[in-house]
Amino acid sequence: MMARRLTMPSMSRTTRPAIMDTKVGTAAETAATAREIRPPRIKGSRWAKLPGPLRRLILLVGLVALWQLYVMQSGVSPLVFAAPADVAAAMWDGWTSGELATATLLTLKILGVSMAIGLLAAAVLTTLATWTRIGDDVLNLFTSMLNPLPSIAILPLAILWFGLSETALIFVIANAVTWPIAINVSMGFRTVNPTILAVGRNIGLQGWRLVRDVLLPAALPHTISGVKTGWAFGWRTIIAAELVFGVAGGGGGLGNYINEARYFLHIPEVFAGLVTIALIGIALEYAFTFLERKTVIRWGMKS
């Protein structure tokens, strides 16, 4: 008996083109969809290739040019709005005479002392919150009450308690910087990898040694972020306190400098004080960015 040959059904010539057309059509649709969802190409690549500091310098020069153009074209009174050249002259006079320099250094000194106190208080509170449940409850209670409270609101009490002195300002500024730092450090402690904590405990680290050798290094990105936020809060608060109440000791700070210039209608000096505040803010922003690059970014803890 002859064995029958088994034959597979072959694809007809009329079927193959249809399937190929379907595949081609599907590929075309996929390509069209990809073109639709592809993000638009960002223009201005030449601008993006410039170094960051150079881009900011160009923007700053453009802002000053617009400022000068407005003064020239609007005819605004110099008793209301000072020209950039007058502001530059006032800054030069203020720094050479020592008046603006003294005010700036006093404000920075008060802010530095307040930051140190705030860092110490935040470290103690977050460490106690890590060790005990009651410490955690105390930290949560204080941050819930005092962090939303504008620190400038407690300045009248500080004046009653400490008089018109630097101590009153330090008390207010320390309150402003403590809670943002404590919140960020506490968040850093809570988000530490449990495996790292387990390894630390397995090698015998307990209490303060666990905080010092494990928690603090692991929470460094949150700590830097908290310090950055805290100084911003403190910087705004100290300027507002000196400006509104004039309580800085030793001749007054930047806020007092601006307030006295306003009182005597020395508008260029008012702008000189404001520009000094802005320049210090920019410098400290670069300092924190540099610190992040040399620590958490360099160590791979933050992208």
C-alpha atoms as a PDB file:
ATOM      1  CA  MET A   1       0.000   0.000   0.000  1.00  0.00           C
ATOM      2  CA  MET A   2       1.465   3.243  -1.066  1.00  0.00           C
ATOM      3  CA  ALA A   3       1.961   5.761   1.686  1.00  0.00           C
ATOM      4  CA  ARG A   4       0.146   8.916   1.059  1.00  0.00           C
ATOM      5  CA  ARG A   5       2.224  12.041   1.207  1.00  0.00           C
ATOM      6  CA  LEU A   6       1.071  14.473   3.802  1.00  0.00           C
ATOM      7  CA  THR A   7       0.963  17.955   2.414  1.00  0.00           C
ATOM      8  CA  MET A   8       0.633  21.127   4.398  1.00  0.00           C
ATOM      9  CA  PRO A   9      -1.827  23.666   3.072  1.00  0.00           C
ATOM     10  CA  SER A  10       0.107  26.195   1.127  1.00  0.00           C
ATOM     11  CA  MET A  11      -0.557  29.871   1.156  1.00  0.00           C
ATOM     12  CA  SER A  12      -1.995  31.090  -2.087  1.00  0.00           C
ATOM     13  CA  ARG A  13      -0.446  33.886  -4.010  1.00  0.00           C
ATOM     14  CA  THR A  14      -3.515  36.007  -3.466  1.00  0.00           C
ATOM     15  CA  THR A  15      -3.325  35.558   0.331  1.00  0.00           C
ATOM     16  CA  ARG A  16       0.345  36.491   0.805  1.00  0.00           C
ATOM     17  CA  PRO A  17       0.088  40.058  -0.492  1.00  0.00           C
ATOM     18  CA  ALA A  18      -2.924  40.657   1.734  1.00  0.00           C
ATOM     19  CA  ILE A  19      -1.010  39.620   4.844  1.00  0.00           C
ATOM     20  CA  MET A  20       2.046  41.584   3.776  1.00  0.00           C
ATOM     21  CA  ASP A  21      -0.151  44.615   3.162  1.00  0.00           C
ATOM     22  CA  THR A  22      -1.588  44.218   6.657  1.00  0.00           C
ATOM     23  CA  LYS A  23       1.910  44.069   8.190  1.00  0.00           C
ATOM     24  CA  VAL A  24       3.022  47.091   6.207  1.00  0.00           C
ATOM     25  CA  GLY A  25      -0.104  48.947   7.245  1.00  0.00           C
ATOM     26  CA  THR A  26       0.431  48.080  10.907  1.00  0.00           C
ATOM     27  CA  ALA A  27       4.045  49.257  10.757  1.00  0.00           C
ATOM     28  CA  ALA A  28       2.975  52.489   9.102  1.00  0.00           C
ATOM     29  CA  GLU A  29       0.328  53.095  11.765  1.00  0.00           C
ATOM     30  CA  THR A  30       2.870  52.403  14.534  1.00  0.00           C
ATOM     31  CA  ALA A  31       5.336  54.857  13.015  1.00  0.00           C
ATOM     32  CA  ALA A  32       2.618  57.482  12.672  1.00  0.00           C
ATOM     33  CA  THR A  33       1.593  56.984  16.304  1.00  0.00           C
ATOM     34  CA  ALA A  34       5.221  57.266  17.426  1.00  0.00           C
ATOM     35  CA  ARG A  35       5.559  60.532  15.527  1.00  0.00           C
ATOM     36  CA  GLU A  36       2.436  61.849  17.252  1.00  0.00           C
ATOM     37  CA  ILE A  37       3.569  61.007  20.787  1.00  0.00           C
ATOM     38  CA  ARG A  38       7.192  62.009  20.263  1.00  0.00           C
ATOM     39  CA  PRO A  39       7.923  65.114  22.386  1.00  0.00           C
ATOM     40  CA  PRO A  40       8.638  68.251  20.400  1.00  0.00           C
ATOM     41  CA  ARG A  41      12.267  69.095  19.916  1.00  0.00           C
ATOM     42  CA  ILE A  42      13.330  71.875  22.248  1.00  0.00           C
ATOM     43  CA  LYS A  43      14.439  74.943  20.390  1.00  0.00           C
ATOM     44  CA  GLY A  44      17.208  77.284  21.441  1.00  0.00           C
ATOM     45  CA  SER A  45      19.934  74.671  21.666  1.00  0.00           C
ATOM     46  CA  ARG A  46      22.603  77.354  21.399  1.00  0.00           C
ATOM     47  CA  TRP A  47      21.247  78.983  24.533  1.00  0.00           C
ATOM     48  CA  ALA A  48      21.123  75.627  26.322  1.00  0.00           C
ATOM     49  CA  LYS A  49      24.770  74.944  25.445  1.00  0.00           C
ATOM     50  CA  LEU A  50      25.916  78.067  27.289  1.00  0.00           C
ATOM     51  CA  PRO A  51      27.193  77.578  30.861  1.00  0.00           C
ATOM     52  CA  GLY A  52      24.562  78.095  33.533  1.00  0.00           C
ATOM     53  CA  PRO A  53      26.305  81.060  35.217  1.00  0.00           C
ATOM     54  CA  LEU A  54      26.698  82.788  31.840  1.00  0.00           C
ATOM     55  CA  ARG A  55      22.986  82.343  31.072  1.00  0.00           C
ATOM     56  CA  ARG A  56      22.050  83.859  34.423  1.00  0.00           C
ATOM     57  CA  LEU A  57      24.477  86.743  33.892  1.00  0.00           C
ATOM     58  CA  ILE A  58      22.937  87.499  30.497  1.00  0.00           C
ATOM     59  CA  LEU A  59      19.454  87.468  32.023  1.00  0.00           C
ATOM     60  CA  LEU A  60      20.623  89.762  34.826  1.00  0.00           C
ATOM     61  CA  VAL A  61      22.154  92.224  32.355  1.00  0.00           C
ATOM     62  CA  GLY A  62      18.930  92.157  30.349  1.00  0.00           C
ATOM     63  CA  LEU A  63      16.915  92.876  33.486  1.00  0.00           C
ATOM     64  CA  VAL A  64      19.114  95.858  34.358  1.00  0.00           C
ATOM     65  CA  ALA A  65      18.797  97.131  30.778  1.00  0.00           C
ATOM     66  CA  LEU A  66      14.992  96.942  30.977  1.00  0.00           C
ATOM     67  CA  TRP A  67      15.145  98.710  34.333  1.00  0.00           C
ATOM     68  CA  GLN A  68      17.218 101.555  32.846  1.00  0.00           C
ATOM     69  CA  LEU A  69      14.949 101.761  29.798  1.00  0.00           C
ATOM     70  CA  TYR A  70      11.878 102.078  32.002  1.00  0.00           C
ATOM     71  CA  VAL A  71      13.436 104.897  34.034  1.00  0.00           C
ATOM     72  CA  MET A  72      14.442 106.771  30.873  1.00  0.00           C
ATOM     73  CA  GLN A  73      11.155 106.370  29.005  1.00  0.00           C
ATOM     74  CA  SER A  74       8.603 106.663  31.808  1.00  0.00           C
ATOM     75  CA  GLY A  75       9.913 109.870  33.366  1.00  0.00           C
ATOM     76  CA  VAL A  76       9.286 108.438  36.838  1.00  0.00           C
ATOM     77  CA  SER A  77      10.414 110.602  39.739  1.00  0.00           C
ATOM     78  CA  PRO A  78      13.755 109.602  41.317  1.00  0.00           C
ATOM     79  CA  LEU A  79      11.989 109.932  44.678  1.00  0.00           C
ATOM     80  CA  VAL A  80       9.881 106.928  43.679  1.00  0.00           C
ATOM     81  CA  PHE A  81      12.073 104.755  41.468  1.00  0.00           C
ATOM     82  CA  ALA A  82      15.867 104.965  41.306  1.00  0.00           C
ATOM     83  CA  ALA A  83      17.952 104.385  38.185  1.00  0.00           C
ATOM     84  CA  PRO A  84      20.492 101.518  38.109  1.00  0.00           C
ATOM     85  CA  ALA A  85      23.418 103.954  37.971  1.00  0.00           C
ATOM     86  CA  ASP A  86      22.190 105.742  41.113  1.00  0.00           C
ATOM     87  CA  VAL A  87      21.724 102.406  42.882  1.00  0.00           C
ATOM     88  CA  ALA A  88      25.245 101.311  41.938  1.00  0.00           C
ATOM     89  CA  ALA A  89      26.628 104.605  43.269  1.00  0.00           C
ATOM     90  CA  ALA A  90      24.669 104.194  46.508  1.00  0.00           C
ATOM     91  CA  MET A  91      26.007 100.651  46.926  1.00  0.00           C
ATOM     92  CA  TRP A  92      29.558 101.842  46.339  1.00  0.00           C
ATOM     93  CA  ASP A  93      29.169 104.663  48.854  1.00  0.00           C
ATOM     94  CA  GLY A  94      27.542 102.320  51.378  1.00  0.00           C
ATOM     95  CA  TRP A  95      30.315  99.747  51.171  1.00  0.00           C
ATOM     96  CA  THR A  96      33.191 102.225  51.090  1.00  0.00           C
ATOM     97  CA  SER A  97      31.797 104.202  54.019  1.00  0.00           C
ATOM     98  CA  GLY A  98      31.165 100.992  55.929  1.00  0.00           C
ATOM     99  CA  GLU A  99      27.502 101.711  56.631  1.00  0.00           C
ATOM    100  CA  LEU A 100      26.065  99.088  54.290  1.00  0.00           C
ATOM    101  CA  ALA A 101      28.865  96.635  55.066  1.00  0.00           C
ATOM    102  CA  THR A 102      28.275  96.930  58.820  1.00  0.00           C
ATOM    103  CA  ALA A 103      24.532  96.410  58.417  1.00  0.00           C
ATOM    104  CA  THR A 104      25.085  93.379  56.179  1.00  0.00           C
ATOM    105  CA  LEU A 105      27.601  91.743  58.508  1.00  0.00           C
ATOM    106  CA  LEU A 106      25.345  92.268  61.522  1.00  0.00           C
ATOM    107  CA  THR A 107      22.404  90.631  59.775  1.00  0.00           C
ATOM    108  CA  LEU A 108      24.547  87.701  58.632  1.00  0.00           C
ATOM    109  CA  LYS A 109      25.965  87.276  62.145  1.00  0.00           C
ATOM    110  CA  ILE A 110      22.504  87.111  63.701  1.00  0.00           C
ATOM    111  CA  LEU A 111      21.360  84.692  61.012  1.00  0.00           C
ATOM    112  CA  GLY A 112      24.431  82.490  61.529  1.00  0.00           C
ATOM    113  CA  VAL A 113      23.922  82.260  65.294  1.00  0.00           C
ATOM    114  CA  SER A 114      20.224  81.532  64.789  1.00  0.00           C
ATOM    115  CA  MET A 115      21.009  78.828  62.224  1.00  0.00           C
ATOM    116  CA  ALA A 116      23.434  77.149  64.633  1.00  0.00           C
ATOM    117  CA  ILE A 117      20.829  77.151  67.411  1.00  0.00           C
ATOM    118  CA  GLY A 118      18.172  75.865  65.014  1.00  0.00           C
ATOM    119  CA  LEU A 119      20.417  73.049  63.789  1.00  0.00           C
ATOM    120  CA  LEU A 120      21.233  71.995  67.350  1.00  0.00           C
ATOM    121  CA  ALA A 121      17.580  72.075  68.427  1.00  0.00           C
ATOM    122  CA  ALA A 122      16.487  70.126  65.338  1.00  0.00           C
ATOM    123  CA  ALA A 123      19.215  67.523  65.920  1.00  0.00           C
ATOM    124  CA  VAL A 124      18.171  67.013  69.547  1.00  0.00           C
ATOM    125  CA  LEU A 125      14.459  66.787  68.734  1.00  0.00           C
ATOM    126  CA  THR A 126      14.865  64.377  65.832  1.00  0.00           C
ATOM    127  CA  THR A 127      17.273  62.178  67.807  1.00  0.00           C
ATOM    128  CA  LEU A 128      14.819  61.943  70.710  1.00  0.00           C
ATOM    129  CA  ALA A 129      12.037  61.222  68.220  1.00  0.00           C
ATOM    130  CA  THR A 130      14.112  58.336  66.870  1.00  0.00           C
ATOM    131  CA  TRP A 131      14.781  56.857  70.308  1.00  0.00           C
ATOM    132  CA  THR A 132      11.389  57.152  72.021  1.00  0.00           C
ATOM    133  CA  ARG A 133       7.732  57.270  71.106  1.00  0.00           C
ATOM    134  CA  ILE A 134       7.092  60.272  73.346  1.00  0.00           C
ATOM    135  CA  GLY A 135       9.914  62.134  71.603  1.00  0.00           C
ATOM    136  CA  ASP A 136       8.275  61.426  68.259  1.00  0.00           C
ATOM    137  CA  ASP A 137       4.931  62.703  69.570  1.00  0.00           C
ATOM    138  CA  VAL A 138       6.561  65.864  70.947  1.00  0.00           C
ATOM    139  CA  LEU A 139       8.272  66.565  67.615  1.00  0.00           C
ATOM    140  CA  ASN A 140       5.054  66.038  65.661  1.00  0.00           C
ATOM    141  CA  LEU A 141       3.141  68.309  68.042  1.00  0.00           C
ATOM    142  CA  PHE A 142       5.693  71.130  67.891  1.00  0.00           C
ATOM    143  CA  THR A 143       6.092  70.993  64.122  1.00  0.00           C
ATOM    144  CA  SER A 144       2.310  70.964  63.650  1.00  0.00           C
ATOM    145  CA  MET A 145       1.897  74.038  65.854  1.00  0.00           C
ATOM    146  CA  LEU A 146       4.977  76.137  65.189  1.00  0.00           C
ATOM    147  CA  ASN A 147       5.978  75.404  61.595  1.00  0.00           C
ATOM    148  CA  PRO A 148       2.842  76.994  60.039  1.00  0.00           C
ATOM    149  CA  LEU A 149       3.114  79.966  62.435  1.00  0.00           C
ATOM    150  CA  PRO A 150       4.858  82.983  60.862  1.00  0.00           C
ATOM    151  CA  SER A 151       7.833  83.588  63.133  1.00  0.00           C
ATOM    152  CA  ILE A 152       7.481  87.349  62.750  1.00  0.00           C
ATOM    153  CA  ALA A 153       4.222  87.001  64.723  1.00  0.00           C
ATOM    154  CA  ILE A 154       6.112  86.117  67.907  1.00  0.00           C
ATOM    155  CA  LEU A 155       8.421  89.138  67.660  1.00  0.00           C
ATOM    156  CA  PRO A 156       6.246  91.279  69.999  1.00  0.00           C
ATOM    157  CA  LEU A 157       6.575  88.570  72.660  1.00  0.00           C
ATOM    158  CA  ALA A 158      10.308  88.367  72.049  1.00  0.00           C
ATOM    159  CA  ILE A 159      10.585  92.133  72.565  1.00  0.00           C
ATOM    160  CA  LEU A 160       8.670  91.861  75.862  1.00  0.00           C
ATOM    161  CA  TRP A 161      10.891  89.023  77.056  1.00  0.00           C
ATOM    162  CA  PHE A 162      14.303  90.143  75.795  1.00  0.00           C
ATOM    163  CA  GLY A 163      13.875  93.852  75.019  1.00  0.00           C
ATOM    164  CA  LEU A 164      15.121  95.591  71.873  1.00  0.00           C
ATOM    165  CA  SER A 165      18.194  93.431  71.489  1.00  0.00           C
ATOM    166  CA  GLU A 166      19.866  90.886  69.271  1.00  0.00           C
ATOM    167  CA  THR A 167      18.592  88.176  71.609  1.00  0.00           C
ATOM    168  CA  ALA A 168      15.017  88.947  70.569  1.00  0.00           C
ATOM    169  CA  LEU A 169      15.945  88.583  66.921  1.00  0.00           C
ATOM    170  CA  ILE A 170      17.898  85.377  67.525  1.00  0.00           C
ATOM    171  CA  PHE A 171      14.935  83.881  69.377  1.00  0.00           C
ATOM    172  CA  VAL A 172      12.591  84.658  66.486  1.00  0.00           C
ATOM    173  CA  ILE A 173      14.970  83.520  63.740  1.00  0.00           C
ATOM    174  CA  ALA A 174      15.880  80.304  65.567  1.00  0.00           C
ATOM    175  CA  ASN A 175      12.187  79.474  65.752  1.00  0.00           C
ATOM    176  CA  ALA A 176      11.888  80.100  62.010  1.00  0.00           C
ATOM    177  CA  VAL A 177      14.747  77.785  61.032  1.00  0.00           C
ATOM    178  CA  THR A 178      14.300  74.948  63.554  1.00  0.00           C
ATOM    179  CA  TRP A 179      11.083  73.400  62.283  1.00  0.00           C
ATOM    180  CA  PRO A 180      11.843  73.115  58.547  1.00  0.00           C
ATOM    181  CA  ILE A 181      15.160  71.479  59.432  1.00  0.00           C
ATOM    182  CA  ALA A 182      13.547  69.134  61.963  1.00  0.00           C
ATOM    183  CA  ILE A 183      10.823  68.088  59.520  1.00  0.00           C
ATOM    184  CA  ASN A 184      13.291  67.297  56.745  1.00  0.00           C
ATOM    185  CA  VAL A 185      15.745  65.452  59.004  1.00  0.00           C
ATOM    186  CA  SER A 186      12.906  63.437  60.523  1.00  0.00           C
ATOM    187  CA  MET A 187      11.686  62.554  57.042  1.00  0.00           C
ATOM    188  CA  GLY A 188      15.210  61.488  56.130  1.00  0.00           C
ATOM    189  CA  PHE A 189      15.390  59.229  59.186  1.00  0.00           C
ATOM    190  CA  ARG A 190      12.047  57.633  58.339  1.00  0.00           C
ATOM    191  CA  THR A 191      13.034  56.875  54.745  1.00  0.00           C
ATOM    192  CA  VAL A 192      16.373  55.203  55.536  1.00  0.00           C
ATOM    193  CA  ASN A 193      16.626  51.747  53.977  1.00  0.00           C
ATOM    194  CA  PRO A 194      15.617  49.161  56.630  1.00  0.00           C
ATOM    195  CA  THR A 195      18.449  46.911  55.469  1.00  0.00           C
ATOM    196  CA  ILE A 196      20.991  49.594  56.384  1.00  0.00           C
ATOM    197  CA  LEU A 197      19.422  49.940  59.828  1.00  0.00           C
ATOM    198  CA  ALA A 198      19.476  46.174  60.310  1.00  0.00           C
ATOM    199  CA  VAL A 199      23.145  45.996  59.351  1.00  0.00           C
ATOM    200  CA  GLY A 200      23.964  48.791  61.797  1.00  0.00           C
ATOM    201  CA  ARG A 201      22.163  47.022  64.638  1.00  0.00           C
ATOM    202  CA  ASN A 202      23.778  43.696  63.774  1.00  0.00           C
ATOM    203  CA  ILE A 203      27.248  45.172  64.220  1.00  0.00           C
ATOM    204  CA  GLY A 204      26.285  46.540  67.621  1.00  0.00           C
ATOM    205  CA  LEU A 205      25.304  50.145  66.860  1.00  0.00           C
ATOM    206  CA  GLN A 206      22.679  51.469  69.245  1.00  0.00           C
ATOM    207  CA  GLY A 207      21.396  54.841  70.399  1.00  0.00           C
ATOM    208  CA  TRP A 208      23.556  57.820  69.506  1.00  0.00           C
ATOM    209  CA  ARG A 209      26.078  55.706  67.597  1.00  0.00           C
ATOM    210  CA  LEU A 210      23.304  54.418  65.332  1.00  0.00           C
ATOM    211  CA  VAL A 211      22.129  57.980  64.700  1.00  0.00           C
ATOM    212  CA  ARG A 212      25.647  59.300  64.106  1.00  0.00           C
ATOM    213  CA  ASP A 213      27.017  56.469  61.957  1.00  0.00           C
ATOM    214  CA  VAL A 214      23.906  55.308  60.080  1.00  0.00           C
ATOM    215  CA  LEU A 215      20.933  57.672  60.194  1.00  0.00           C
ATOM    216  CA  LEU A 216      22.685  61.008  59.728  1.00  0.00           C
ATOM    217  CA  PRO A 217      24.807  59.935  56.718  1.00  0.00           C
ATOM    218  CA  ALA A 218      21.835  58.190  55.094  1.00  0.00           C
ATOM    219  CA  ALA A 219      19.597  61.225  55.660  1.00  0.00           C
ATOM    220  CA  LEU A 220      22.152  63.740  54.339  1.00  0.00           C
ATOM    221  CA  PRO A 221      20.096  64.753  51.248  1.00  0.00           C
ATOM    222  CA  HIS A 222      17.095  65.563  53.444  1.00  0.00           C
ATOM    223  CA  THR A 223      19.336  67.375  55.933  1.00  0.00           C
ATOM    224  CA  ILE A 224      20.823  69.641  53.268  1.00  0.00           C
ATOM    225  CA  SER A 225      17.346  70.318  51.897  1.00  0.00           C
ATOM    226  CA  GLY A 226      16.125  71.187  55.390  1.00  0.00           C
ATOM    227  CA  VAL A 227      19.026  73.558  56.052  1.00  0.00           C
ATOM    228  CA  LYS A 228      18.414  75.209  52.683  1.00  0.00           C
ATOM    229  CA  THR A 229      14.736  75.711  53.493  1.00  0.00           C
ATOM    230  CA  GLY A 230      15.533  76.836  57.024  1.00  0.00           C
ATOM    231  CA  TRP A 231      17.968  79.553  55.963  1.00  0.00           C
ATOM    232  CA  ALA A 232      15.408  80.856  53.448  1.00  0.00           C
ATOM    233  CA  PHE A 233      12.792  81.090  56.203  1.00  0.00           C
ATOM    234  CA  GLY A 234      15.278  82.732  58.547  1.00  0.00           C
ATOM    235  CA  TRP A 235      16.530  85.180  55.903  1.00  0.00           C
ATOM    236  CA  ARG A 236      13.029  86.444  55.151  1.00  0.00           C
ATOM    237  CA  THR A 237      12.147  86.639  58.819  1.00  0.00           C
ATOM    238  CA  ILE A 238      15.212  88.610  59.898  1.00  0.00           C
ATOM    239  CA  ILE A 239      14.797  91.173  57.121  1.00  0.00           C
ATOM    240  CA  ALA A 240      11.108  91.593  57.976  1.00  0.00           C
ATOM    241  CA  ALA A 241      11.872  91.927  61.688  1.00  0.00           C
ATOM    242  CA  GLU A 242      14.570  94.539  61.160  1.00  0.00           C
ATOM    243  CA  LEU A 243      12.489  96.384  58.590  1.00  0.00           C
ATOM    244  CA  VAL A 244       9.176  96.533  60.424  1.00  0.00           C
ATOM    245  CA  PHE A 245      10.243  96.704  64.061  1.00  0.00           C
ATOM    246  CA  GLY A 246      13.856  97.890  63.867  1.00  0.00           C
ATOM    247  CA  VAL A 247      15.043  95.751  66.740  1.00  0.00           C
ATOM    248  CA  ALA A 248      18.530  94.757  65.578  1.00  0.00           C
ATOM    249  CA  GLY A 249      21.153  95.694  68.126  1.00  0.00           C
ATOM    250  CA  GLY A 250      24.511  97.313  67.486  1.00  0.00           C
ATOM    251  CA  GLY A 251      23.326  99.939  65.019  1.00  0.00           C
ATOM    252  CA  GLY A 252      20.830  97.902  63.019  1.00  0.00           C
ATOM    253  CA  GLY A 253      20.984  95.405  60.185  1.00  0.00           C
ATOM    254  CA  LEU A 254      19.962  95.438  56.551  1.00  0.00           C
ATOM    255  CA  GLY A 255      16.294  95.879  57.395  1.00  0.00           C
ATOM    256  CA  ASN A 256      17.075  98.940  59.504  1.00  0.00           C
ATOM    257  CA  TYR A 257      19.328 100.276  56.750  1.00  0.00           C
ATOM    258  CA  ILE A 258      16.454 100.088  54.252  1.00  0.00           C
ATOM    259  CA  ASN A 259      13.942 101.537  56.707  1.00  0.00           C
ATOM    260  CA  GLU A 260      16.118 104.527  57.585  1.00  0.00           C
ATOM    261  CA  ALA A 261      16.825 105.213  53.908  1.00  0.00           C
ATOM    262  CA  ARG A 262      13.077 105.168  53.223  1.00  0.00           C
ATOM    263  CA  TYR A 263      12.433 107.536  56.115  1.00  0.00           C
ATOM    264  CA  PHE A 264      14.870 110.113  54.705  1.00  0.00           C
ATOM    265  CA  LEU A 265      13.721 109.492  51.088  1.00  0.00           C
ATOM    266  CA  HIS A 266      17.121 108.141  50.039  1.00  0.00           C
ATOM    267  CA  ILE A 267      15.559 105.886  47.421  1.00  0.00           C
ATOM    268  CA  PRO A 268      18.856 104.746  45.822  1.00  0.00           C
ATOM    269  CA  GLU A 269      19.940 103.478  49.240  1.00  0.00           C
ATOM    270  CA  VAL A 270      16.651 101.604  49.593  1.00  0.00           C
ATOM    271  CA  PHE A 271      17.320  99.863  46.287  1.00  0.00           C
ATOM    272  CA  ALA A 272      20.943  99.290  47.305  1.00  0.00           C
ATOM    273  CA  GLY A 273      19.760  97.396  50.380  1.00  0.00           C
ATOM    274  CA  LEU A 274      17.306  95.340  48.324  1.00  0.00           C
ATOM    275  CA  VAL A 275      19.962  94.476  45.742  1.00  0.00           C
ATOM    276  CA  THR A 276      22.330  93.432  48.537  1.00  0.00           C
ATOM    277  CA  ILE A 277      19.672  91.107  49.939  1.00  0.00           C
ATOM    278  CA  ALA A 278      19.117  89.581  46.496  1.00  0.00           C
ATOM    279  CA  LEU A 279      22.846  89.114  45.857  1.00  0.00           C
ATOM    280  CA  ILE A 280      23.336  87.382  49.203  1.00  0.00           C
ATOM    281  CA  GLY A 281      20.428  85.087  48.382  1.00  0.00           C
ATOM    282  CA  ILE A 282      21.972  84.188  45.019  1.00  0.00           C
ATOM    283  CA  ALA A 283      25.375  83.565  46.613  1.00  0.00           C
ATOM    284  CA  LEU A 284      23.940  81.255  49.265  1.00  0.00           C
ATOM    285  CA  GLU A 285      21.904  79.413  46.630  1.00  0.00           C
ATOM    286  CA  TYR A 286      25.110  78.705  44.711  1.00  0.00           C
ATOM    287  CA  ALA A 287      26.791  77.640  47.952  1.00  0.00           C
ATOM    288  CA  PHE A 288      24.105  75.048  48.656  1.00  0.00           C
ATOM    289  CA  THR A 289      24.219  73.821  45.051  1.00  0.00           C
ATOM    290  CA  PHE A 290      27.999  73.438  45.306  1.00  0.00           C
ATOM    291  CA  LEU A 291      27.619  71.552  48.594  1.00  0.00           C
ATOM    292  CA  GLU A 292      25.095  69.164  47.044  1.00  0.00           C
ATOM    293  CA  ARG A 293      27.359  68.484  44.073  1.00  0.00           C
ATOM    294  CA  LYS A 294      30.337  67.735  46.292  1.00  0.00           C
ATOM    295  CA  THR A 295      28.398  65.452  48.632  1.00  0.00           C
ATOM    296  CA  VAL A 296      25.076  63.772  47.843  1.00  0.00           C
ATOM    297  CA  ILE A 297      25.305  64.008  44.042  1.00  0.00           C
ATOM    298  CA  ARG A 298      28.945  62.941  43.970  1.00  0.00           C
ATOM    299  CA  TRP A 299      28.193  59.990  46.245  1.00  0.00           C
ATOM    300  CA  GLY A 300      25.209  58.894  44.151  1.00  0.00           C
ATOM    301  CA  MET A 301      22.624  59.691  46.843  1.00  0.00           C
ATOM    302  CA  LYS A 302      20.803  62.152  44.586  1.00  0.00           C
ATOM    303  CA  SER A 303      20.590  62.510  40.814  1.00  0.00           C
END
